[in-house]
């Protein structure tokens, strides 16, 4: 369900403030100045996230990449996305990461994973992995000249979607 509230409303400001105080906003994103409030994912999501870490993080370290959990991909608080995982070629303690080599999105019901691709492209991401726990699929997209193209494999990790799907212990 999408809800758009136009104008300033004290009750909405109070809701946003309360979410921040409780730490419920850690997965919220701002898309060109528009706040997208995201609920915490279900357990299956977290289990698949751990499986991706178990499989890809050792490979990433061998390649000199830095594994990271949820992080702010963007340049400012007015335009950023929060991928579920990332693999970076910089080792810095930042609030806003300008790019990533690979981002991982784990699909939750009703989420906007596939709608983030333009933002990822604009920020120089090389590969996107979208994992769907319900369908038990892992889909790889590679950066081309002007968009991401689904390829079924990762150049970074030298792995196919089929290989990764077989290695995941699906919940």
C-alpha atoms as a PDB file:
ATOM      1  CA  UNK A   1       0.000   0.000   0.000  1.00  0.00           C
ATOM      2  CA  UNK A   2       1.335   3.406  -0.927  1.00  0.00           C
ATOM      3  CA  UNK A   3       0.331   6.516   0.973  1.00  0.00           C
ATOM      4  CA  UNK A   4       1.216  10.047  -0.043  1.00  0.00           C
ATOM      5  CA  UNK A   5       0.623  12.816   2.454  1.00  0.00           C
ATOM      6  CA  UNK A   6       0.974  16.302   1.027  1.00  0.00           C
ATOM      7  CA  UNK A   7       2.003  19.170   3.266  1.00  0.00           C
ATOM      8  CA  UNK A   8       3.329  19.401   6.805  1.00  0.00           C
ATOM      9  CA  UNK A   9       1.436  17.465   9.462  1.00  0.00           C
ATOM     10  CA  UNK A  10       2.470  17.459  13.135  1.00  0.00           C
ATOM     11  CA  UNK A  11       1.307  13.862  13.607  1.00  0.00           C
ATOM     12  CA  UNK A  12       3.510  12.680  10.719  1.00  0.00           C
ATOM     13  CA  UNK A  13       6.482  14.625  12.075  1.00  0.00           C
ATOM     14  CA  UNK A  14       5.837  13.003  15.461  1.00  0.00           C
ATOM     15  CA  UNK A  15       5.680   9.546  13.831  1.00  0.00           C
ATOM     16  CA  UNK A  16       8.996  10.094  12.048  1.00  0.00           C
ATOM     17  CA  UNK A  17      10.612  11.374  15.254  1.00  0.00           C
ATOM     18  CA  UNK A  18       9.280   8.407  17.232  1.00  0.00           C
ATOM     19  CA  UNK A  19      10.550   5.925  14.601  1.00  0.00           C
ATOM     20  CA  UNK A  20      14.011   7.496  14.883  1.00  0.00           C
ATOM     21  CA  UNK A  21      13.967   7.372  18.678  1.00  0.00           C
ATOM     22  CA  UNK A  22      13.025   3.683  18.656  1.00  0.00           C
ATOM     23  CA  UNK A  23      15.472   2.785  15.871  1.00  0.00           C
ATOM     24  CA  UNK A  24      12.626   1.666  13.607  1.00  0.00           C
ATOM     25  CA  UNK A  25      13.902   3.867  10.788  1.00  0.00           C
ATOM     26  CA  UNK A  26      17.155   2.030  10.079  1.00  0.00           C
ATOM     27  CA  UNK A  27      15.813   0.639   6.795  1.00  0.00           C
ATOM     28  CA  UNK A  28      13.950   3.790   5.745  1.00  0.00           C
ATOM     29  CA  UNK A  29      15.134   5.379   2.515  1.00  0.00           C
ATOM     30  CA  UNK A  30      14.790   8.777   0.904  1.00  0.00           C
ATOM     31  CA  UNK A  31      14.171   8.764  -2.842  1.00  0.00           C
ATOM     32  CA  UNK A  32      14.846  12.243  -4.220  1.00  0.00           C
ATOM     33  CA  UNK A  33      13.406  13.879  -1.120  1.00  0.00           C
ATOM     34  CA  UNK A  34      10.522  11.400  -0.622  1.00  0.00           C
ATOM     35  CA  UNK A  35      10.642   9.293   2.536  1.00  0.00           C
ATOM     36  CA  UNK A  36      10.011   5.552   2.068  1.00  0.00           C
ATOM     37  CA  UNK A  37       9.277   3.948   5.455  1.00  0.00           C
ATOM     38  CA  UNK A  38      10.264   0.302   5.459  1.00  0.00           C
ATOM     39  CA  UNK A  39       9.290  -2.227   8.071  1.00  0.00           C
ATOM     40  CA  UNK A  40      11.834  -4.655   9.452  1.00  0.00           C
ATOM     41  CA  UNK A  41      11.884  -7.848   7.382  1.00  0.00           C
ATOM     42  CA  UNK A  42      10.603 -11.255   8.477  1.00  0.00           C
ATOM     43  CA  UNK A  43      12.874 -14.004   9.759  1.00  0.00           C
ATOM     44  CA  UNK A  44      13.237 -15.772   6.417  1.00  0.00           C
ATOM     45  CA  UNK A  45      14.781 -12.592   5.001  1.00  0.00           C
ATOM     46  CA  UNK A  46      17.435 -12.508   7.722  1.00  0.00           C
ATOM     47  CA  UNK A  47      18.226 -16.182   7.329  1.00  0.00           C
ATOM     48  CA  UNK A  48      18.805 -15.764   3.595  1.00  0.00           C
ATOM     49  CA  UNK A  49      20.931 -12.682   4.288  1.00  0.00           C
ATOM     50  CA  UNK A  50      23.146 -14.807   6.538  1.00  0.00           C
ATOM     51  CA  UNK A  51      23.411 -17.471   3.838  1.00  0.00           C
ATOM     52  CA  UNK A  52      24.522 -14.868   1.279  1.00  0.00           C
ATOM     53  CA  UNK A  53      27.152 -13.634   3.749  1.00  0.00           C
ATOM     54  CA  UNK A  54      28.383 -17.169   4.407  1.00  0.00           C
ATOM     55  CA  UNK A  55      28.808 -17.817   0.688  1.00  0.00           C
ATOM     56  CA  UNK A  56      29.947 -14.486  -0.769  1.00  0.00           C
ATOM     57  CA  UNK A  57      31.864 -12.730   2.025  1.00  0.00           C
ATOM     58  CA  UNK A  58      34.867 -15.114   1.984  1.00  0.00           C
ATOM     59  CA  UNK A  59      35.063 -14.739  -1.814  1.00  0.00           C
ATOM     60  CA  UNK A  60      34.834 -10.969  -1.467  1.00  0.00           C
ATOM     61  CA  UNK A  61      37.686 -10.858   1.052  1.00  0.00           C
ATOM     62  CA  UNK A  62      39.872 -12.916  -1.304  1.00  0.00           C
ATOM     63  CA  UNK A  63      39.185 -10.264  -3.964  1.00  0.00           C
ATOM     64  CA  UNK A  64      40.033  -7.418  -1.571  1.00  0.00           C
ATOM     65  CA  UNK A  65      36.407  -6.312  -1.216  1.00  0.00           C
ATOM     66  CA  UNK A  66      34.862  -5.242   2.080  1.00  0.00           C
ATOM     67  CA  UNK A  67      31.569  -6.965   3.037  1.00  0.00           C
ATOM     68  CA  UNK A  68      28.996  -4.706   4.676  1.00  0.00           C
ATOM     69  CA  UNK A  69      25.448  -5.208   5.961  1.00  0.00           C
ATOM     70  CA  UNK A  70      22.709  -2.644   5.395  1.00  0.00           C
ATOM     71  CA  UNK A  71      24.256   0.696   4.448  1.00  0.00           C
ATOM     72  CA  UNK A  72      23.270   4.075   3.017  1.00  0.00           C
ATOM     73  CA  UNK A  73      24.104   4.179  -0.694  1.00  0.00           C
ATOM     74  CA  UNK A  74      23.988   7.786  -1.842  1.00  0.00           C
ATOM     75  CA  UNK A  75      25.515  11.180  -1.229  1.00  0.00           C
ATOM     76  CA  UNK A  76      23.116  12.804   1.229  1.00  0.00           C
ATOM     77  CA  UNK A  77      20.134  12.394   3.494  1.00  0.00           C
ATOM     78  CA  UNK A  78      17.892  13.614   0.656  1.00  0.00           C
ATOM     79  CA  UNK A  79      18.578  10.721  -1.740  1.00  0.00           C
ATOM     80  CA  UNK A  80      19.775   7.312  -0.603  1.00  0.00           C
ATOM     81  CA  UNK A  81      18.829   3.627  -0.664  1.00  0.00           C
ATOM     82  CA  UNK A  82      19.611   0.919   1.887  1.00  0.00           C
ATOM     83  CA  UNK A  83      20.665  -2.353   0.232  1.00  0.00           C
ATOM     84  CA  UNK A  84      20.562  -5.493   2.375  1.00  0.00           C
ATOM     85  CA  UNK A  85      24.265  -6.158   1.763  1.00  0.00           C
ATOM     86  CA  UNK A  86      27.108  -4.705  -0.174  1.00  0.00           C
ATOM     87  CA  UNK A  87      30.643  -5.437  -1.226  1.00  0.00           C
ATOM     88  CA  UNK A  88      32.822  -2.325  -1.314  1.00  0.00           C
ATOM     89  CA  UNK A  89      36.240  -1.441  -2.652  1.00  0.00           C
ATOM     90  CA  UNK A  90      36.759   1.225   0.023  1.00  0.00           C
ATOM     91  CA  UNK A  91      37.366   0.645   3.721  1.00  0.00           C
ATOM     92  CA  UNK A  92      36.064   3.810   5.322  1.00  0.00           C
ATOM     93  CA  UNK A  93      33.660   4.558   8.163  1.00  0.00           C
ATOM     94  CA  UNK A  94      31.084   6.634   6.290  1.00  0.00           C
ATOM     95  CA  UNK A  95      27.417   7.460   6.783  1.00  0.00           C
ATOM     96  CA  UNK A  96      26.792   7.890   3.032  1.00  0.00           C
ATOM     97  CA  UNK A  97      28.665   5.482   0.784  1.00  0.00           C
ATOM     98  CA  UNK A  98      29.081   6.870  -2.729  1.00  0.00           C
ATOM     99  CA  UNK A  99      29.071   3.475  -4.464  1.00  0.00           C
ATOM    100  CA  UNK A 100      29.573  -0.279  -4.137  1.00  0.00           C
ATOM    101  CA  UNK A 101      31.015  -2.967  -6.367  1.00  0.00           C
ATOM    102  CA  UNK A 102      28.053  -5.280  -5.675  1.00  0.00           C
ATOM    103  CA  UNK A 103      24.764  -4.636  -3.898  1.00  0.00           C
ATOM    104  CA  UNK A 104      22.430  -7.358  -2.659  1.00  0.00           C
ATOM    105  CA  UNK A 105      18.683  -6.935  -2.348  1.00  0.00           C
ATOM    106  CA  UNK A 106      16.659  -9.649  -0.627  1.00  0.00           C
ATOM    107  CA  UNK A 107      13.035  -9.491  -1.694  1.00  0.00           C
ATOM    108  CA  UNK A 108      10.333  -9.039   0.935  1.00  0.00           C
ATOM    109  CA  UNK A 109       6.619  -8.990   0.113  1.00  0.00           C
ATOM    110  CA  UNK A 110       5.689  -5.612  -1.373  1.00  0.00           C
ATOM    111  CA  UNK A 111       9.220  -4.213  -1.364  1.00  0.00           C
ATOM    112  CA  UNK A 112      10.840  -1.932  -3.946  1.00  0.00           C
ATOM    113  CA  UNK A 113      14.041  -3.883  -4.712  1.00  0.00           C
ATOM    114  CA  UNK A 114      13.722  -3.738  -8.494  1.00  0.00           C
ATOM    115  CA  UNK A 115      12.813  -0.053  -8.429  1.00  0.00           C
ATOM    116  CA  UNK A 116      16.224   0.877  -6.969  1.00  0.00           C
ATOM    117  CA  UNK A 117      18.226  -0.033 -10.075  1.00  0.00           C
ATOM    118  CA  UNK A 118      18.363   3.501 -11.530  1.00  0.00           C
ATOM    119  CA  UNK A 119      19.781   4.806  -8.245  1.00  0.00           C
ATOM    120  CA  UNK A 120      22.343   2.007  -8.112  1.00  0.00           C
ATOM    121  CA  UNK A 121      23.342   2.724 -11.712  1.00  0.00           C
ATOM    122  CA  UNK A 122      23.689   6.477 -11.073  1.00  0.00           C
ATOM    123  CA  UNK A 123      26.025   5.670  -8.174  1.00  0.00           C
ATOM    124  CA  UNK A 124      28.362   3.444 -10.173  1.00  0.00           C
ATOM    125  CA  UNK A 125      27.385   0.025  -8.804  1.00  0.00           C
ATOM    126  CA  UNK A 126      28.843  -2.731 -11.003  1.00  0.00           C
ATOM    127  CA  UNK A 127      26.538  -5.643 -10.132  1.00  0.00           C
ATOM    128  CA  UNK A 128      23.196  -6.172  -8.435  1.00  0.00           C
ATOM    129  CA  UNK A 129      22.125  -9.473  -6.894  1.00  0.00           C
ATOM    130  CA  UNK A 130      18.411  -9.899  -6.121  1.00  0.00           C
ATOM    131  CA  UNK A 131      17.553 -12.916  -3.990  1.00  0.00           C
ATOM    132  CA  UNK A 132      13.939 -14.005  -3.503  1.00  0.00           C
ATOM    133  CA  UNK A 133      13.488 -16.383  -0.545  1.00  0.00           C
ATOM    134  CA  UNK A 134       9.923 -17.309  -1.548  1.00  0.00           C
ATOM    135  CA  UNK A 135      10.858 -18.270  -5.118  1.00  0.00           C
ATOM    136  CA  UNK A 136      14.315 -19.545  -4.076  1.00  0.00           C
ATOM    137  CA  UNK A 137      15.957 -17.562  -6.838  1.00  0.00           C
ATOM    138  CA  UNK A 138      19.141 -15.526  -7.108  1.00  0.00           C
ATOM    139  CA  UNK A 139      19.300 -13.182 -10.108  1.00  0.00           C
ATOM    140  CA  UNK A 140      22.424 -11.275 -11.206  1.00  0.00           C
ATOM    141  CA  UNK A 141      22.444  -8.001 -13.136  1.00  0.00           C
ATOM    142  CA  UNK A 142      25.566  -6.499 -14.721  1.00  0.00           C
ATOM    143  CA  UNK A 143      26.192  -2.861 -15.485  1.00  0.00           C
ATOM    144  CA  UNK A 144      26.114  -2.133 -19.223  1.00  0.00           C
ATOM    145  CA  UNK A 145      26.575   1.191 -21.006  1.00  0.00           C
ATOM    146  CA  UNK A 146      23.253   2.665 -19.910  1.00  0.00           C
ATOM    147  CA  UNK A 147      21.448   0.254 -17.550  1.00  0.00           C
ATOM    148  CA  UNK A 148      21.683  -3.047 -15.736  1.00  0.00           C
ATOM    149  CA  UNK A 149      21.163  -6.204 -17.759  1.00  0.00           C
ATOM    150  CA  UNK A 150      20.218  -9.532 -16.227  1.00  0.00           C
ATOM    151  CA  UNK A 151      23.017 -11.969 -17.028  1.00  0.00           C
ATOM    152  CA  UNK A 152      22.521 -14.981 -14.785  1.00  0.00           C
ATOM    153  CA  UNK A 153      26.066 -14.726 -13.464  1.00  0.00           C
ATOM    154  CA  UNK A 154      28.504 -12.551 -11.564  1.00  0.00           C
ATOM    155  CA  UNK A 155      31.756 -11.411 -13.132  1.00  0.00           C
ATOM    156  CA  UNK A 156      32.969 -10.227  -9.732  1.00  0.00           C
ATOM    157  CA  UNK A 157      32.424 -13.539  -7.953  1.00  0.00           C
ATOM    158  CA  UNK A 158      32.747 -15.809 -11.034  1.00  0.00           C
ATOM    159  CA  UNK A 159      29.516 -17.545 -10.100  1.00  0.00           C
ATOM    160  CA  UNK A 160      26.232 -18.296 -11.851  1.00  0.00           C
ATOM    161  CA  UNK A 161      22.781 -17.797 -10.392  1.00  0.00           C
ATOM    162  CA  UNK A 162      22.263 -21.562 -10.517  1.00  0.00           C
ATOM    163  CA  UNK A 163      25.482 -22.161  -8.522  1.00  0.00           C
ATOM    164  CA  UNK A 164      24.474 -19.656  -5.855  1.00  0.00           C
ATOM    165  CA  UNK A 165      20.900 -20.981  -5.592  1.00  0.00           C
ATOM    166  CA  UNK A 166      22.263 -24.502  -5.076  1.00  0.00           C
ATOM    167  CA  UNK A 167      24.629 -23.360  -2.341  1.00  0.00           C
ATOM    168  CA  UNK A 168      22.016 -21.452  -0.304  1.00  0.00           C
ATOM    169  CA  UNK A 169      20.436 -23.424   2.524  1.00  0.00           C
ATOM    170  CA  UNK A 170      16.943 -22.019   1.932  1.00  0.00           C
ATOM    171  CA  UNK A 171      14.647 -21.634   4.957  1.00  0.00           C
END
